[in-house]
């Protein structure tokens, strides 16, 4: 695992490289995370728009929370929030 720092009030992209069970590296293994106020609120919008929730909101410790959703075309994205 490797983390790239982020600063919420500055430009740029933060992120990390992690191993995820059930996913192999390469190909379509890149997962883009979008910042939001509350993952739970945004993940609920995915189903209403024809997508599905892959992983409900979970804590990632001091880094906040994440959710994984799949859009109506089958693309998985991540949601990140601090609350």
PDB file of N, CA and C in Angstrom:
ATOM      1  N   UNK A   1       0.849  -1.173   0.000  1.00  0.00           N
ATOM      2  CA  UNK A   1       0.000   0.000   0.000  1.00  0.00           C
ATOM      3  C   UNK A   1       0.889   1.230   0.000  1.00  0.00           C
ATOM      4  N   UNK A   2       0.451   2.232  -0.721  1.00  0.00           N
ATOM      5  CA  UNK A   2       1.168   3.499  -0.767  1.00  0.00           C
ATOM      6  C   UNK A   2       0.152   4.623  -0.830  1.00  0.00           C
ATOM      7  N   UNK A   3       0.329   5.648  -0.014  1.00  0.00           N
ATOM      8  CA  UNK A   3      -0.612   6.765   0.018  1.00  0.00           C
ATOM      9  C   UNK A   3       0.020   8.020  -0.559  1.00  0.00           C
ATOM     10  N   UNK A   4      -0.763   8.757  -1.328  1.00  0.00           N
ATOM     11  CA  UNK A   4      -0.363  10.044  -1.863  1.00  0.00           C
ATOM     12  C   UNK A   4      -1.124  11.096  -1.078  1.00  0.00           C
ATOM     13  N   UNK A   5      -0.426  12.024  -0.428  1.00  0.00           N
ATOM     14  CA  UNK A   5      -1.102  12.977   0.455  1.00  0.00           C
ATOM     15  C   UNK A   5      -2.094  13.860  -0.275  1.00  0.00           C
ATOM     16  N   UNK A   6      -3.105  14.280   0.473  1.00  0.00           N
ATOM     17  CA  UNK A   6      -4.081  15.215  -0.078  1.00  0.00           C
ATOM     18  C   UNK A   6      -4.290  16.346   0.902  1.00  0.00           C
ATOM     19  N   UNK A   7      -4.601  17.490   0.368  1.00  0.00           N
ATOM     20  CA  UNK A   7      -4.904  18.656   1.182  1.00  0.00           C
ATOM     21  C   UNK A   7      -6.248  19.186   0.688  1.00  0.00           C
ATOM     22  N   UNK A   8      -7.299  19.057   1.493  1.00  0.00           N
ATOM     23  CA  UNK A   8      -8.649  19.417   1.056  1.00  0.00           C
ATOM     24  C   UNK A   8      -8.807  20.839   0.516  1.00  0.00           C
ATOM     25  N   UNK A   9      -7.974  21.757   0.951  1.00  0.00           N
ATOM     26  CA  UNK A   9      -8.121  23.148   0.534  1.00  0.00           C
ATOM     27  C   UNK A   9      -7.190  23.548  -0.602  1.00  0.00           C
ATOM     28  N   UNK A  10      -6.462  22.579  -1.168  1.00  0.00           N
ATOM     29  CA  UNK A  10      -5.521  22.867  -2.244  1.00  0.00           C
ATOM     30  C   UNK A  10      -5.870  22.076  -3.498  1.00  0.00           C
ATOM     31  N   UNK A  11      -5.311  22.490  -4.635  1.00  0.00           N
ATOM     32  CA  UNK A  11      -5.508  21.776  -5.895  1.00  0.00           C
ATOM     33  C   UNK A  11      -4.659  20.516  -5.895  1.00  0.00           C
ATOM     34  N   UNK A  12      -5.027  19.583  -6.721  1.00  0.00           N
ATOM     35  CA  UNK A  12      -4.256  18.351  -6.882  1.00  0.00           C
ATOM     36  C   UNK A  12      -5.084  17.149  -6.512  1.00  0.00           C
ATOM     37  N   UNK A  13      -4.503  16.009  -6.699  1.00  0.00           N
ATOM     38  CA  UNK A  13      -5.206  14.755  -6.428  1.00  0.00           C
ATOM     39  C   UNK A  13      -4.438  13.942  -5.402  1.00  0.00           C
ATOM     40  N   UNK A  14      -5.147  13.441  -4.432  1.00  0.00           N
ATOM     41  CA  UNK A  14      -4.566  12.518  -3.477  1.00  0.00           C
ATOM     42  C   UNK A  14      -4.985  11.119  -3.862  1.00  0.00           C
ATOM     43  N   UNK A  15      -4.475  10.142  -3.190  1.00  0.00           N
ATOM     44  CA  UNK A  15      -4.902   8.783  -3.496  1.00  0.00           C
ATOM     45  C   UNK A  15      -3.995   7.764  -2.855  1.00  0.00           C
ATOM     46  N   UNK A  16      -4.179   6.518  -3.245  1.00  0.00           N
ATOM     47  CA  UNK A  16      -3.346   5.456  -2.718  1.00  0.00           C
ATOM     48  C   UNK A  16      -3.351   4.265  -3.663  1.00  0.00           C
ATOM     49  N   UNK A  17      -2.355   3.440  -3.518  1.00  0.00           N
ATOM     50  CA  UNK A  17      -2.283   2.164  -4.222  1.00  0.00           C
ATOM     51  C   UNK A  17      -2.521   1.093  -3.172  1.00  0.00           C
ATOM     52  N   UNK A  18      -3.521   0.271  -3.376  1.00  0.00           N
ATOM     53  CA  UNK A  18      -3.860  -0.765  -2.403  1.00  0.00           C
ATOM     54  C   UNK A  18      -4.178  -2.077  -3.111  1.00  0.00           C
ATOM     55  N   UNK A  19      -4.088  -3.146  -2.375  1.00  0.00           N
ATOM     56  CA  UNK A  19      -4.498  -4.449  -2.871  1.00  0.00           C
ATOM     57  C   UNK A  19      -5.935  -4.672  -2.432  1.00  0.00           C
ATOM     58  N   UNK A  20      -6.775  -5.143  -3.346  1.00  0.00           N
ATOM     59  CA  UNK A  20      -8.185  -5.351  -3.052  1.00  0.00           C
ATOM     60  C   UNK A  20      -8.548  -6.794  -3.380  1.00  0.00           C
ATOM     61  N   UNK A  21      -9.086  -7.491  -2.408  1.00  0.00           N
ATOM     62  CA  UNK A  21      -9.482  -8.887  -2.623  1.00  0.00           C
ATOM     63  C   UNK A  21     -10.439  -8.997  -3.801  1.00  0.00           C
ATOM     64  N   UNK A  22     -10.199  -9.957  -4.668  1.00  0.00           N
ATOM     65  CA  UNK A  22     -11.075 -10.172  -5.801  1.00  0.00           C
ATOM     66  C   UNK A  22     -10.744  -9.335  -7.030  1.00  0.00           C
ATOM     67  N   UNK A  23      -9.729  -8.493  -6.941  1.00  0.00           N
ATOM     68  CA  UNK A  23      -9.334  -7.649  -8.076  1.00  0.00           C
ATOM     69  C   UNK A  23      -7.871  -7.914  -8.414  1.00  0.00           C
ATOM     70  N   UNK A  24      -7.572  -8.066  -9.686  1.00  0.00           N
ATOM     71  CA  UNK A  24      -6.184  -8.224 -10.111  1.00  0.00           C
ATOM     72  C   UNK A  24      -5.663  -6.880 -10.592  1.00  0.00           C
ATOM     73  N   UNK A  25      -4.353  -6.712 -10.567  1.00  0.00           N
ATOM     74  CA  UNK A  25      -3.769  -5.460 -11.032  1.00  0.00           C
ATOM     75  C   UNK A  25      -3.753  -5.424 -12.555  1.00  0.00           C
ATOM     76  N   UNK A  26      -3.680  -4.222 -13.097  1.00  0.00           N
ATOM     77  CA  UNK A  26      -3.662  -4.046 -14.546  1.00  0.00           C
ATOM     78  C   UNK A  26      -5.068  -4.001 -15.113  1.00  0.00           C
ATOM     79  N   UNK A  27      -5.140  -3.786 -16.399  1.00  0.00           N
ATOM     80  CA  UNK A  27      -6.450  -3.756 -17.048  1.00  0.00           C
ATOM     81  C   UNK A  27      -7.329  -2.652 -16.497  1.00  0.00           C
ATOM     82  N   UNK A  28      -8.500  -3.008 -16.029  1.00  0.00           N
ATOM     83  CA  UNK A  28      -9.469  -2.043 -15.521  1.00  0.00           C
ATOM     84  C   UNK A  28      -9.465  -2.032 -13.995  1.00  0.00           C
ATOM     85  N   UNK A  29      -8.283  -1.912 -13.400  1.00  0.00           N
ATOM     86  CA  UNK A  29      -8.205  -1.990 -11.941  1.00  0.00           C
ATOM     87  C   UNK A  29      -8.063  -0.631 -11.266  1.00  0.00           C
ATOM     88  N   UNK A  30      -8.141   0.448 -12.005  1.00  0.00           N
ATOM     89  CA  UNK A  30      -8.050   1.783 -11.419  1.00  0.00           C
ATOM     90  C   UNK A  30      -9.413   2.191 -10.879  1.00  0.00           C
ATOM     91  N   UNK A  31      -9.419   2.687  -9.659  1.00  0.00           N
ATOM     92  CA  UNK A  31     -10.661   3.110  -9.022  1.00  0.00           C
ATOM     93  C   UNK A  31     -10.540   4.590  -8.664  1.00  0.00           C
ATOM     94  N   UNK A  32     -11.411   5.404  -9.213  1.00  0.00           N
ATOM     95  CA  UNK A  32     -11.403   6.843  -8.971  1.00  0.00           C
ATOM     96  C   UNK A  32     -12.359   7.138  -7.824  1.00  0.00           C
ATOM     97  N   UNK A  33     -11.892   7.936  -6.860  1.00  0.00           N
ATOM     98  CA  UNK A  33     -12.719   8.355  -5.727  1.00  0.00           C
ATOM     99  C   UNK A  33     -13.104   9.812  -5.884  1.00  0.00           C
ATOM    100  N   UNK A  34     -14.347  10.116  -5.555  1.00  0.00           N
ATOM    101  CA  UNK A  34     -14.837  11.481  -5.575  1.00  0.00           C
ATOM    102  C   UNK A  34     -15.111  11.917  -4.140  1.00  0.00           C
ATOM    103  N   UNK A  35     -14.708  13.126  -3.811  1.00  0.00           N
ATOM    104  CA  UNK A  35     -14.968  13.683  -2.483  1.00  0.00           C
ATOM    105  C   UNK A  35     -16.419  14.110  -2.376  1.00  0.00           C
ATOM    106  N   UNK A  36     -16.992  13.923  -1.198  1.00  0.00           N
ATOM    107  CA  UNK A  36     -18.365  14.350  -0.955  1.00  0.00           C
ATOM    108  C   UNK A  36     -18.522  14.652   0.533  1.00  0.00           C
ATOM    109  N   UNK A  37     -19.635  15.240   0.906  1.00  0.00           N
ATOM    110  CA  UNK A  37     -19.873  15.571   2.316  1.00  0.00           C
ATOM    111  C   UNK A  37     -20.120  14.323   3.159  1.00  0.00           C
ATOM    112  N   UNK A  38     -20.901  13.379   2.633  1.00  0.00           N
ATOM    113  CA  UNK A  38     -21.236  12.163   3.379  1.00  0.00           C
ATOM    114  C   UNK A  38     -21.465  11.022   2.381  1.00  0.00           C
ATOM    115  N   UNK A  39     -20.627  10.008   2.448  1.00  0.00           N
ATOM    116  CA  UNK A  39     -20.726   8.860   1.532  1.00  0.00           C
ATOM    117  C   UNK A  39     -22.105   8.220   1.541  1.00  0.00           C
ATOM    118  N   UNK A  40     -22.698   8.096   2.693  1.00  0.00           N
ATOM    119  CA  UNK A  40     -23.991   7.424   2.801  1.00  0.00           C
ATOM    120  C   UNK A  40     -25.061   8.141   1.986  1.00  0.00           C
ATOM    121  N   UNK A  41     -25.035   9.458   2.000  1.00  0.00           N
ATOM    122  CA  UNK A  41     -26.015  10.238   1.247  1.00  0.00           C
ATOM    123  C   UNK A  41     -25.806  10.022  -0.248  1.00  0.00           C
ATOM    124  N   UNK A  42     -24.570  10.115  -0.698  1.00  0.00           N
ATOM    125  CA  UNK A  42     -24.281   9.984  -2.128  1.00  0.00           C
ATOM    126  C   UNK A  42     -24.474   8.554  -2.629  1.00  0.00           C
ATOM    127  N   UNK A  43     -24.108   7.555  -1.811  1.00  0.00           N
ATOM    128  CA  UNK A  43     -24.296   6.167  -2.273  1.00  0.00           C
ATOM    129  C   UNK A  43     -25.774   5.845  -2.472  1.00  0.00           C
ATOM    130  N   UNK A  44     -26.635   6.452  -1.679  1.00  0.00           N
ATOM    131  CA  UNK A  44     -28.072   6.199  -1.835  1.00  0.00           C
ATOM    132  C   UNK A  44     -28.594   6.726  -3.171  1.00  0.00           C
ATOM    133  N   UNK A  45     -27.921   7.698  -3.738  1.00  0.00           N
ATOM    134  CA  UNK A  45     -28.329   8.251  -5.028  1.00  0.00           C
ATOM    135  C   UNK A  45     -28.017   7.300  -6.175  1.00  0.00           C
ATOM    136  N   UNK A  46     -27.029   6.419  -5.995  1.00  0.00           N
ATOM    137  CA  UNK A  46     -26.632   5.493  -7.067  1.00  0.00           C
ATOM    138  C   UNK A  46     -27.774   4.567  -7.463  1.00  0.00           C
ATOM    139  N   UNK A  47     -28.429   3.966  -6.495  1.00  0.00           N
ATOM    140  CA  UNK A  47     -29.526   3.048  -6.794  1.00  0.00           C
ATOM    141  C   UNK A  47     -30.698   3.764  -7.453  1.00  0.00           C
ATOM    142  N   UNK A  48     -30.983   4.966  -7.010  1.00  0.00           N
ATOM    143  CA  UNK A  48     -32.077   5.742  -7.599  1.00  0.00           C
ATOM    144  C   UNK A  48     -31.791   6.082  -9.058  1.00  0.00           C
ATOM    145  N   UNK A  49     -30.499   6.119  -9.429  1.00  0.00           N
ATOM    146  CA  UNK A  49     -30.103   6.478 -10.797  1.00  0.00           C
ATOM    147  C   UNK A  49     -29.815   5.240 -11.658  1.00  0.00           C
ATOM    148  N   UNK A  50     -30.147   4.047 -11.157  1.00  0.00           N
ATOM    149  CA  UNK A  50     -29.959   2.842 -11.954  1.00  0.00           C
ATOM    150  C   UNK A  50     -28.675   2.089 -11.692  1.00  0.00           C
ATOM    151  N   UNK A  51     -27.899   2.525 -10.711  1.00  0.00           N
ATOM    152  CA  UNK A  51     -26.669   1.830 -10.331  1.00  0.00           C
ATOM    153  C   UNK A  51     -26.912   0.927  -9.142  1.00  0.00           C
ATOM    154  N   UNK A  52     -25.819   0.527  -8.487  1.00  0.00           N
ATOM    155  CA  UNK A  52     -25.957  -0.301  -7.291  1.00  0.00           C
ATOM    156  C   UNK A  52     -24.814  -0.006  -6.323  1.00  0.00           C
ATOM    157  N   UNK A  53     -25.037  -0.341  -5.082  1.00  0.00           N
ATOM    158  CA  UNK A  53     -24.014  -0.161  -4.050  1.00  0.00           C
ATOM    159  C   UNK A  53     -23.183  -1.430  -3.988  1.00  0.00           C
ATOM    160  N   UNK A  54     -21.883  -1.285  -4.204  1.00  0.00           N
ATOM    161  CA  UNK A  54     -20.952  -2.410  -4.115  1.00  0.00           C
ATOM    162  C   UNK A  54     -20.524  -2.636  -2.669  1.00  0.00           C
ATOM    163  N   UNK A  55     -20.225  -1.535  -1.967  1.00  0.00           N
ATOM    164  CA  UNK A  55     -19.789  -1.598  -0.570  1.00  0.00           C
ATOM    165  C   UNK A  55     -20.342  -0.383   0.144  1.00  0.00           C
ATOM    166  N   UNK A  56     -21.169  -0.606   1.151  1.00  0.00           N
ATOM    167  CA  UNK A  56     -21.727   0.526   1.890  1.00  0.00           C
ATOM    168  C   UNK A  56     -20.632   1.249   2.665  1.00  0.00           C
ATOM    169  N   UNK A  57     -20.958   2.411   3.132  1.00  0.00           N
ATOM    170  CA  UNK A  57     -20.027   3.280   3.838  1.00  0.00           C
ATOM    171  C   UNK A  57     -19.288   2.527   4.944  1.00  0.00           C
ATOM    172  N   UNK A  58     -17.949   2.627   4.896  1.00  0.00           N
ATOM    173  CA  UNK A  58     -17.104   2.022   5.933  1.00  0.00           C
ATOM    174  C   UNK A  58     -16.044   3.027   6.362  1.00  0.00           C
ATOM    175  N   UNK A  59     -15.578   2.872   7.576  1.00  0.00           N
ATOM    176  CA  UNK A  59     -14.521   3.730   8.090  1.00  0.00           C
ATOM    177  C   UNK A  59     -13.166   3.280   7.550  1.00  0.00           C
ATOM    178  N   UNK A  60     -12.340   4.251   7.207  1.00  0.00           N
ATOM    179  CA  UNK A  60     -10.947   3.957   6.866  1.00  0.00           C
ATOM    180  C   UNK A  60     -10.040   4.666   7.883  1.00  0.00           C
ATOM    181  N   UNK A  61     -10.508   4.660   9.133  1.00  0.00           N
ATOM    182  CA  UNK A  61      -9.738   5.222  10.240  1.00  0.00           C
ATOM    183  C   UNK A  61      -9.593   6.725  10.151  1.00  0.00           C
ATOM    184  N   UNK A  62      -8.383   7.191  10.389  1.00  0.00           N
ATOM    185  CA  UNK A  62      -8.133   8.639  10.425  1.00  0.00           C
ATOM    186  C   UNK A  62      -8.376   9.330   9.090  1.00  0.00           C
ATOM    187  N   UNK A  63      -8.541   8.567   8.016  1.00  0.00           N
ATOM    188  CA  UNK A  63      -8.736   9.145   6.693  1.00  0.00           C
ATOM    189  C   UNK A  63     -10.203   9.362   6.329  1.00  0.00           C
ATOM    190  N   UNK A  64     -11.121   8.966   7.192  1.00  0.00           N
ATOM    191  CA  UNK A  64     -12.538   9.215   6.958  1.00  0.00           C
ATOM    192  C   UNK A  64     -13.314   7.968   6.598  1.00  0.00           C
ATOM    193  N   UNK A  65     -14.125   8.062   5.550  1.00  0.00           N
ATOM    194  CA  UNK A  65     -15.032   6.981   5.166  1.00  0.00           C
ATOM    195  C   UNK A  65     -15.040   6.831   3.649  1.00  0.00           C
ATOM    196  N   UNK A  66     -15.350   5.624   3.192  1.00  0.00           N
ATOM    197  CA  UNK A  66     -15.510   5.391   1.761  1.00  0.00           C
ATOM    198  C   UNK A  66     -16.742   4.533   1.497  1.00  0.00           C
ATOM    199  N   UNK A  67     -17.265   4.653   0.299  1.00  0.00           N
ATOM    200  CA  UNK A  67     -18.314   3.794  -0.249  1.00  0.00           C
ATOM    201  C   UNK A  67     -17.884   3.447  -1.660  1.00  0.00           C
ATOM    202  N   UNK A  68     -18.305   2.279  -2.135  1.00  0.00           N
ATOM    203  CA  UNK A  68     -18.063   1.898  -3.525  1.00  0.00           C
ATOM    204  C   UNK A  68     -19.402   1.702  -4.203  1.00  0.00           C
ATOM    205  N   UNK A  69     -19.592   2.342  -5.350  1.00  0.00           N
ATOM    206  CA  UNK A  69     -20.833   2.214  -6.102  1.00  0.00           C
ATOM    207  C   UNK A  69     -20.517   1.864  -7.549  1.00  0.00           C
ATOM    208  N   UNK A  70     -21.473   1.218  -8.196  1.00  0.00           N
ATOM    209  CA  UNK A  70     -21.358   0.856  -9.606  1.00  0.00           C
ATOM    210  C   UNK A  70     -22.439   1.623 -10.356  1.00  0.00           C
ATOM    211  N   UNK A  71     -22.035   2.324 -11.417  1.00  0.00           N
ATOM    212  CA  UNK A  71     -23.020   3.100 -12.164  1.00  0.00           C
ATOM    213  C   UNK A  71     -23.822   2.203 -13.102  1.00  0.00           C
ATOM    214  N   UNK A  72     -24.751   2.791 -13.818  1.00  0.00           N
ATOM    215  CA  UNK A  72     -25.664   2.024 -14.669  1.00  0.00           C
ATOM    216  C   UNK A  72     -24.962   1.355 -15.853  1.00  0.00           C
ATOM    217  N   UNK A  73     -23.713   1.749 -16.138  1.00  0.00           N
ATOM    218  CA  UNK A  73     -22.945   1.128 -17.216  1.00  0.00           C
ATOM    219  C   UNK A  73     -21.943   0.100 -16.694  1.00  0.00           C
ATOM    220  N   UNK A  74     -21.939  -0.129 -15.380  1.00  0.00           N
ATOM    221  CA  UNK A  74     -21.041  -1.127 -14.801  1.00  0.00           C
ATOM    222  C   UNK A  74     -19.703  -0.620 -14.328  1.00  0.00           C
ATOM    223  N   UNK A  75     -19.490   0.697 -14.311  1.00  0.00           N
ATOM    224  CA  UNK A  75     -18.229   1.278 -13.842  1.00  0.00           C
ATOM    225  C   UNK A  75     -18.269   1.484 -12.341  1.00  0.00           C
ATOM    226  N   UNK A  76     -17.258   0.981 -11.634  1.00  0.00           N
ATOM    227  CA  UNK A  76     -17.199   1.189 -10.189  1.00  0.00           C
ATOM    228  C   UNK A  76     -16.447   2.480  -9.894  1.00  0.00           C
ATOM    229  N   UNK A  77     -16.989   3.267  -8.971  1.00  0.00           N
ATOM    230  CA  UNK A  77     -16.326   4.476  -8.482  1.00  0.00           C
ATOM    231  C   UNK A  77     -16.335   4.456  -6.963  1.00  0.00           C
ATOM    232  N   UNK A  78     -15.445   5.218  -6.376  1.00  0.00           N
ATOM    233  CA  UNK A  78     -15.401   5.351  -4.937  1.00  0.00           C
ATOM    234  C   UNK A  78     -15.893   6.716  -4.503  1.00  0.00           C
ATOM    235  N   UNK A  79     -16.446   6.761  -3.322  1.00  0.00           N
ATOM    236  CA  UNK A  79     -16.866   8.016  -2.691  1.00  0.00           C
ATOM    237  C   UNK A  79     -16.073   8.154  -1.404  1.00  0.00           C
ATOM    238  N   UNK A  80     -15.584   9.350  -1.122  1.00  0.00           N
ATOM    239  CA  UNK A  80     -14.788   9.593   0.089  1.00  0.00           C
ATOM    240  C   UNK A  80     -15.360  10.790   0.839  1.00  0.00           C
ATOM    241  N   UNK A  81     -15.514  10.630   2.141  1.00  0.00           N
ATOM    242  CA  UNK A  81     -15.954  11.746   2.987  1.00  0.00           C
ATOM    243  C   UNK A  81     -15.242  11.684   4.323  1.00  0.00           C
ATOM    244  N   UNK A  82     -15.262  12.810   5.015  1.00  0.00           N
ATOM    245  CA  UNK A  82     -14.631  12.867   6.342  1.00  0.00           C
ATOM    246  C   UNK A  82     -15.642  12.689   7.470  1.00  0.00           C
ATOM    247  N   UNK A  83     -16.936  12.603   7.104  1.00  0.00           N
ATOM    248  CA  UNK A  83     -17.947  12.358   8.143  1.00  0.00           C
ATOM    249  C   UNK A  83     -18.874  11.246   7.723  1.00  0.00           C
TER     250      UNK A  83
END
